[in-house]
Amino acid sequence: MKVAVVGASGAVGQEFLKVLEERNFPLSELILFGSSRSAGTTMNFKGTRLTIKELKHNDDFKGIDLALTSAGAGTSKEFAETITKHGAVMIDNSSAFRMDADVPLVVPEVNPDDCANRPRNIIANPNCSTIIMVVPLKAIHELSPVKKIHVATYQAASGAGAAAMQEMEDQVKQVLEGKEPKIEKFKYQLAFNVIPHIDVFLDNDYTKEEMKMHHETRKIMHADIAVSATTVRVPVYRAHSEAVWVETENELSVEQVKQALAKAEGVIVQDNPKEAHYPMPLFVAGKDPVYVGRIRKDIANPKGIAFWCVGDQIKKGAALNAVQIAEYMISKKMF
């Protein structure tokens, strides 16, 4: 397969290269694209230096089978036709097409069959916080349909990109040195703080990030699930954490849920409160699965289950999910 990575120099773009190499993805050629700023720079892939080409409206995508894109919604919308017009499948990591009716929104552990119906040859990668939640949610939903979800997220600096990760690191040094921290990527200082505000506020006083979790979960799960989210930025380098309360149609036991999660694809259960064994971003960063712990009954709701989950935002929440979509499509001969 001839594969393109668009937005190669960004945090997710760099992760695409790592994941493709780690998984020995079956490609014959890899071509990197970026903005005029990154064009001409080189990146390493399997010991070879590859030069980034400038993304332009031309025929550079002729002969390309798969394009993994992570260059922002505006770029994705502008270049989608250029990328797909010669037959390339575009797996897009931005928010550009997620809620379009003619674009499947896919998490391979949850709804891989949706890949088959792609009239525009575009498949959307969901929001990172949505992916991390729905992977374990699928196992519960199969036991009994999920009706309502309340979720509070604890999202790492990685969710705002490479420059944001660097800003948090710089702020920590600045604060410890008694200097005024520099604030550019976040609304407030992130170091030694938490910010209950990710993306813009909407008319209903939820943020766009919070409403993404509501709308995307329903589309991925093909279910009328009400999702009420509070998304919070925390001073963690990478890997998002989520506290989730789920209400199901029928009452479930904790043991039922634990057994289902233990068998679930892409899930690792770490749940031993007596030994203080539970998932944490410090240990999940760089890992493929979603880790789940603190599984217990919701004492405020007889049909409720509470759990805590952690996943690497750049990996499973972005690059890995997209590559897994491509791997599924290869296995089903969809290219």
Protein backbone atom coordinates (compact mmCIF):
# COMPACT_ATOMS: atom_id res chain seq x y z
CA MET A 1 0.00 0.00 0.00
CA LYS A 2 1.06 3.55 -0.75
CA VAL A 3 0.35 5.66 2.33
CA ALA A 4 0.36 9.42 2.93
CA VAL A 5 0.51 11.20 6.28
CA VAL A 6 -0.85 14.75 6.20
CA GLY A 7 0.23 16.99 9.06
CA ALA A 8 3.31 14.85 9.59
CA SER A 9 5.23 17.27 11.81
CA GLY A 10 2.44 17.69 14.40
CA ALA A 11 2.07 15.63 17.57
CA VAL A 12 -0.40 13.19 15.99
CA GLY A 13 1.51 13.14 12.71
CA GLN A 14 4.66 12.09 14.54
CA GLU A 15 2.65 9.44 16.36
CA PHE A 16 1.33 8.12 13.04
CA LEU A 17 4.90 7.33 12.00
CA LYS A 18 5.65 5.59 15.31
CA VAL A 19 2.48 3.49 15.15
CA LEU A 20 2.98 2.52 11.50
CA GLU A 21 6.51 1.37 12.37
CA GLU A 22 5.55 -0.40 15.62
CA ARG A 23 2.79 -2.37 13.93
CA ASN A 24 4.80 -3.08 10.79
CA PHE A 25 1.93 -1.70 8.73
CA PRO A 26 1.99 -3.20 5.19
CA LEU A 27 3.06 -0.22 3.13
CA SER A 28 5.24 -0.04 0.03
CA GLU A 29 5.81 3.70 0.20
CA LEU A 30 5.23 6.46 2.76
CA ILE A 31 4.82 10.08 1.68
CA LEU A 32 4.69 12.94 4.17
CA PHE A 33 2.80 16.21 3.71
CA GLY A 34 2.72 19.37 5.76
CA SER A 35 2.32 23.13 5.65
CA SER A 36 4.69 25.49 3.87
CA ARG A 37 6.44 25.95 7.23
CA SER A 38 7.30 22.28 7.65
CA ALA A 39 7.87 21.50 3.95
CA GLY A 40 11.48 20.53 3.28
CA THR A 41 12.15 19.26 6.79
CA THR A 42 12.79 15.55 7.31
CA MET A 43 11.47 12.86 9.63
CA ASN A 44 12.75 9.39 10.43
CA PHE A 45 10.83 6.26 9.48
CA LYS A 46 12.42 2.83 9.85
CA GLY A 47 15.90 4.34 9.70
CA THR A 48 15.22 6.42 6.58
CA ARG A 49 14.89 10.18 6.47
CA LEU A 50 11.73 11.25 4.60
CA THR A 51 11.24 14.81 3.37
CA ILE A 52 7.93 16.55 4.04
CA LYS A 53 6.20 17.85 0.91
CA GLU A 54 4.00 20.92 0.95
CA LEU A 55 0.30 20.08 0.78
CA LYS A 56 -1.07 21.63 -2.40
CA HIS A 57 -4.06 21.36 -4.73
CA ASN A 58 -2.39 19.14 -7.32
CA ASP A 59 -2.15 15.46 -8.29
CA ASP A 60 0.29 14.41 -5.53
CA PHE A 61 -2.29 11.94 -4.19
CA LYS A 62 -2.57 10.05 -7.46
CA GLY A 63 -1.72 6.41 -6.76
CA ILE A 64 -2.03 6.79 -2.98
CA ASP A 65 -4.26 4.17 -1.32
CA LEU A 66 -4.53 5.62 2.19
CA ALA A 67 -4.19 9.13 3.59
CA LEU A 68 -3.92 9.58 7.37
CA THR A 69 -4.71 13.23 8.03
CA SER A 70 -4.21 15.33 11.14
CA ALA A 71 -3.77 18.93 10.07
CA GLY A 72 -6.85 20.59 11.56
CA ALA A 73 -10.47 20.83 10.47
CA GLY A 74 -9.94 23.76 8.13
CA THR A 75 -7.19 22.01 6.19
CA SER A 76 -9.18 18.75 6.06
CA LYS A 77 -12.22 20.51 4.61
CA GLU A 78 -10.14 22.44 2.09
CA PHE A 79 -8.11 19.47 0.84
CA ALA A 80 -10.55 16.54 1.17
CA GLU A 81 -11.45 16.53 -2.51
CA THR A 82 -7.79 16.87 -3.56
CA ILE A 83 -6.84 13.94 -1.30
CA THR A 84 -9.67 11.58 -2.33
CA LYS A 85 -10.29 12.44 -6.01
CA HIS A 86 -7.94 9.71 -7.30
CA GLY A 87 -9.38 7.03 -5.00
CA ALA A 88 -7.41 7.39 -1.77
CA VAL A 89 -9.26 6.59 1.45
CA MET A 90 -8.92 9.54 3.82
CA ILE A 91 -8.97 8.69 7.53
CA ASP A 92 -9.28 12.09 9.14
CA ASN A 93 -8.35 12.93 12.70
CA SER A 94 -9.97 16.38 12.79
CA SER A 95 -13.52 17.36 13.72
CA ALA A 96 -14.29 18.37 10.11
CA PHE A 97 -16.52 15.46 9.06
CA ARG A 98 -17.39 13.59 12.27
CA MET A 99 -21.07 14.42 12.30
CA ASP A 100 -21.64 14.36 8.53
CA ALA A 101 -24.29 11.76 7.74
CA ASP A 102 -22.31 10.42 4.76
CA VAL A 103 -19.04 9.99 6.70
CA PRO A 104 -18.64 7.02 9.07
CA LEU A 105 -17.29 7.78 12.54
CA VAL A 106 -15.37 4.69 13.59
CA VAL A 107 -13.76 3.06 16.61
CA PRO A 108 -12.62 -0.39 15.41
CA GLU A 109 -13.46 -2.16 18.68
CA VAL A 110 -17.00 -0.75 18.57
CA ASN A 111 -18.38 -0.19 15.04
CA PRO A 112 -15.86 -1.40 12.42
CA ASP A 113 -18.58 -2.43 9.96
CA ASP A 114 -19.39 1.25 9.41
CA CYS A 115 -16.20 1.49 7.31
CA ALA A 116 -18.00 -0.25 4.45
CA ASN A 117 -20.33 2.70 3.82
CA ARG A 118 -18.10 5.63 2.84
CA PRO A 119 -19.58 7.41 -0.19
CA ARG A 120 -17.03 10.24 -0.01
CA ASN A 121 -14.08 7.88 0.70
CA ILE A 122 -13.66 9.67 4.03
CA ILE A 123 -13.71 8.01 7.45
CA ALA A 124 -13.64 10.19 10.55
CA ASN A 125 -11.63 9.46 13.68
CA PRO A 126 -13.69 10.43 16.76
CA ASN A 127 -12.65 12.88 19.43
CA CYS A 128 -10.01 11.42 21.74
CA SER A 129 -12.14 11.59 24.90
CA THR A 130 -15.01 9.87 23.08
CA ILE A 131 -12.78 7.03 21.85
CA ILE A 132 -11.38 6.37 25.33
CA MET A 133 -14.90 6.16 26.77
CA VAL A 134 -16.68 4.08 24.11
CA VAL A 135 -14.09 1.28 23.98
CA PRO A 136 -15.07 0.02 27.47
CA LEU A 137 -18.65 1.24 27.05
CA LYS A 138 -19.26 -1.26 24.24
CA ALA A 139 -18.85 -4.22 26.62
CA ILE A 140 -21.40 -2.77 29.06
CA HIS A 141 -23.83 -1.86 26.29
CA GLU A 142 -23.82 -5.48 25.09
CA LEU A 143 -24.83 -6.65 28.58
CA SER A 144 -27.69 -4.16 28.77
CA PRO A 145 -28.38 -1.09 26.61
CA VAL A 146 -26.84 2.07 28.02
CA LYS A 147 -29.41 4.84 28.53
CA LYS A 148 -27.49 7.67 30.22
CA ILE A 149 -23.88 8.63 30.86
CA HIS A 150 -22.37 11.24 33.12
CA VAL A 151 -18.66 11.72 32.56
CA ALA A 152 -15.95 14.02 33.90
CA THR A 153 -12.74 14.02 31.89
CA TYR A 154 -9.22 14.84 33.07
CA GLN A 155 -7.49 15.65 29.80
CA ALA A 156 -3.74 15.94 29.36
CA ALA A 157 -1.90 18.79 27.69
CA SER A 158 -1.30 16.46 24.72
CA GLY A 159 -4.90 17.03 23.66
CA ALA A 160 -4.00 20.58 22.68
CA GLY A 161 -0.95 19.58 20.63
CA ALA A 162 2.83 19.51 20.83
CA ALA A 163 3.19 23.25 21.53
CA ALA A 164 0.72 22.98 24.44
CA MET A 165 2.70 20.11 25.95
CA GLN A 166 5.83 22.24 25.73
CA GLU A 167 4.02 25.22 27.27
CA MET A 168 2.99 23.19 30.31
CA GLU A 169 6.55 21.93 30.75
CA ASP A 170 7.91 25.47 30.44
CA GLN A 171 5.34 26.79 32.93
CA VAL A 172 6.39 24.24 35.55
CA LYS A 173 10.00 25.45 35.26
CA GLN A 174 8.94 29.10 35.28
CA VAL A 175 6.81 28.70 38.42
CA LEU A 176 9.51 26.76 40.26
CA GLU A 177 12.03 29.46 39.35
CA GLY A 178 9.69 32.16 40.69
CA LYS A 179 8.99 33.60 37.25
CA GLU A 180 5.67 34.65 35.74
CA PRO A 181 4.46 31.71 33.60
CA LYS A 182 3.90 32.38 29.91
CA ILE A 183 0.30 31.63 28.80
CA GLU A 184 -0.49 31.17 25.10
CA LYS A 185 -2.14 27.81 24.38
CA PHE A 186 -4.54 27.69 27.34
CA LYS A 187 -6.95 30.21 28.84
CA TYR A 188 -5.05 30.14 32.13
CA GLN A 189 -1.84 28.75 33.57
CA LEU A 190 -2.05 24.94 33.38
CA ALA A 191 0.95 24.12 35.57
CA PHE A 192 -0.24 23.33 39.14
CA ASN A 193 -3.83 24.05 38.07
CA VAL A 194 -6.89 22.45 36.45
CA ILE A 195 -9.02 24.28 33.88
CA PRO A 196 -12.71 23.23 33.52
CA HIS A 197 -12.85 24.52 29.96
CA ILE A 198 -11.86 22.71 26.75
CA ASP A 199 -12.87 24.25 23.40
CA VAL A 200 -15.43 27.06 23.11
CA PHE A 201 -18.59 27.49 25.18
CA LEU A 202 -21.89 26.98 23.36
CA ASP A 203 -25.33 28.52 23.97
CA ASN A 204 -26.27 25.76 26.44
CA ASP A 205 -23.14 26.53 28.55
CA TYR A 206 -21.57 23.19 27.64
CA THR A 207 -18.32 23.40 25.70
CA LYS A 208 -17.94 22.12 22.17
CA GLU A 209 -15.71 19.33 23.53
CA GLU A 210 -18.46 18.25 25.91
CA MET A 211 -21.10 18.21 23.20
CA LYS A 212 -18.75 16.22 20.94
CA MET A 213 -18.87 13.44 23.52
CA HIS A 214 -22.67 13.54 23.48
CA HIS A 215 -23.17 13.55 19.71
CA GLU A 216 -20.27 11.28 18.75
CA THR A 217 -21.12 8.57 21.28
CA ARG A 218 -24.66 8.31 19.87
CA LYS A 219 -23.38 8.07 16.29
CA ILE A 220 -20.69 5.46 17.07
CA MET A 221 -22.94 3.31 19.27
CA HIS A 222 -25.99 3.68 16.99
CA ALA A 223 -28.00 4.27 20.16
CA ASP A 224 -30.10 6.99 21.76
CA ILE A 225 -27.73 7.58 24.69
CA ALA A 226 -27.82 10.83 26.67
CA VAL A 227 -24.27 11.93 27.52
CA SER A 228 -23.64 14.77 29.96
CA ALA A 229 -19.95 15.66 30.13
CA THR A 230 -17.67 18.04 31.99
CA THR A 231 -14.27 18.23 30.30
CA VAL A 232 -11.29 19.42 32.30
CA ARG A 233 -7.68 20.14 31.30
CA VAL A 234 -5.18 18.86 33.86
CA PRO A 235 -1.40 19.30 34.16
CA VAL A 236 -0.55 15.85 32.81
CA TYR A 237 1.84 15.43 29.88
CA ARG A 238 -0.14 12.80 27.91
CA ALA A 239 -2.97 10.26 28.44
CA HIS A 240 -6.53 11.30 29.29
CA SER A 241 -8.47 10.01 32.30
CA GLU A 242 -12.26 9.83 32.70
CA ALA A 243 -14.65 9.21 35.57
CA VAL A 244 -17.77 7.64 34.06
CA TRP A 245 -21.23 6.92 35.51
CA VAL A 246 -23.39 4.70 33.26
CA GLU A 247 -27.09 3.94 33.61
CA THR A 248 -28.25 0.77 31.84
CA GLU A 249 -31.71 -0.45 30.92
CA ASN A 250 -31.41 -3.41 33.29
CA GLU A 251 -29.55 -3.60 36.57
CA LEU A 252 -26.10 -5.17 36.24
CA SER A 253 -23.83 -6.62 38.88
CA VAL A 254 -20.27 -5.41 39.29
CA GLU A 255 -19.03 -8.94 38.60
CA GLN A 256 -20.94 -9.07 35.28
CA VAL A 257 -19.36 -5.80 34.20
CA LYS A 258 -15.85 -6.81 35.29
CA GLN A 259 -16.07 -10.09 33.40
CA ALA A 260 -17.35 -8.36 30.26
CA LEU A 261 -14.60 -5.74 30.40
CA ALA A 262 -11.92 -8.39 30.99
CA LYS A 263 -12.94 -10.02 27.69
CA ALA A 264 -13.41 -6.77 25.77
CA GLU A 265 -11.17 -6.00 22.81
CA GLY A 266 -8.75 -3.15 23.48
CA VAL A 267 -9.44 -3.06 27.24
CA ILE A 268 -7.16 -3.91 30.18
CA VAL A 269 -8.83 -4.16 33.59
CA GLN A 270 -6.72 -2.85 36.49
CA ASP A 271 -9.04 -3.07 39.45
CA ASN A 272 -7.83 -4.05 42.91
CA PRO A 273 -8.70 -1.28 45.39
CA LYS A 274 -7.15 -3.12 48.35
CA GLU A 275 -3.78 -3.06 46.61
CA ALA A 276 -4.32 0.49 45.26
CA HIS A 277 -4.27 -0.97 41.76
CA TYR A 278 -6.02 1.28 39.25
CA PRO A 279 -5.12 3.03 35.97
CA MET A 280 -3.15 6.28 35.99
CA PRO A 281 -1.88 8.41 33.10
CA LEU A 282 1.68 8.19 34.37
CA PHE A 283 1.74 4.48 33.53
CA VAL A 284 -0.62 4.43 30.53
CA ALA A 285 1.24 6.96 28.35
CA GLY A 286 2.59 5.21 25.28
CA LYS A 287 0.33 2.14 25.68
CA ASP A 288 -2.23 0.88 23.14
CA PRO A 289 -5.24 -0.26 25.25
CA VAL A 290 -7.77 1.64 27.32
CA TYR A 291 -7.23 0.77 30.98
CA VAL A 292 -10.26 0.48 33.27
CA GLY A 293 -10.55 0.35 37.07
CA ARG A 294 -12.57 1.56 40.08
CA ILE A 295 -15.51 -0.49 38.75
CA ARG A 296 -18.36 -0.26 41.26
CA LYS A 297 -22.08 0.22 41.71
CA ASP A 298 -23.37 3.76 41.50
CA ILE A 299 -24.89 4.13 44.98
CA ALA A 300 -27.09 6.97 43.71
CA ASN A 301 -28.67 4.82 41.00
CA PRO A 302 -29.64 1.11 41.26
CA LYS A 303 -29.15 0.72 37.49
CA GLY A 304 -25.86 2.59 37.55
CA ILE A 305 -22.25 1.46 37.21
CA ALA A 306 -19.27 3.74 37.84
CA PHE A 307 -15.78 3.25 36.47
CA TRP A 308 -12.53 5.06 35.80
CA CYS A 309 -10.68 4.74 32.49
CA VAL A 310 -7.40 6.02 31.10
CA GLY A 311 -6.05 6.01 27.55
CA ASP A 312 -3.18 7.63 25.70
CA GLN A 313 -4.73 10.57 23.86
CA ILE A 314 -2.16 10.77 21.08
CA LYS A 315 -2.04 7.01 20.59
CA LYS A 316 -5.42 5.28 21.05
CA GLY A 317 -7.20 8.64 21.10
CA ALA A 318 -5.82 9.57 17.70
CA ALA A 319 -3.07 7.87 15.64
CA LEU A 320 -3.54 4.26 16.70
CA ASN A 321 -7.31 4.35 16.20
CA ALA A 322 -6.85 5.59 12.63
CA VAL A 323 -4.25 2.93 11.82
CA GLN A 324 -6.50 0.24 13.33
CA ILE A 325 -9.30 1.41 11.01
CA ALA A 326 -6.95 0.94 8.05
CA GLU A 327 -5.88 -2.50 9.32
CA TYR A 328 -9.51 -3.57 9.60
CA MET A 329 -10.21 -2.37 6.07
CA ILE A 330 -7.22 -4.33 4.77
CA SER A 331 -8.43 -7.47 6.57
CA LYS A 332 -11.84 -7.07 4.90
CA LYS A 333 -10.33 -6.24 1.50
CA MET A 334 -11.95 -2.78 1.46
CA PHE A 335 -9.09 -1.14 -0.43
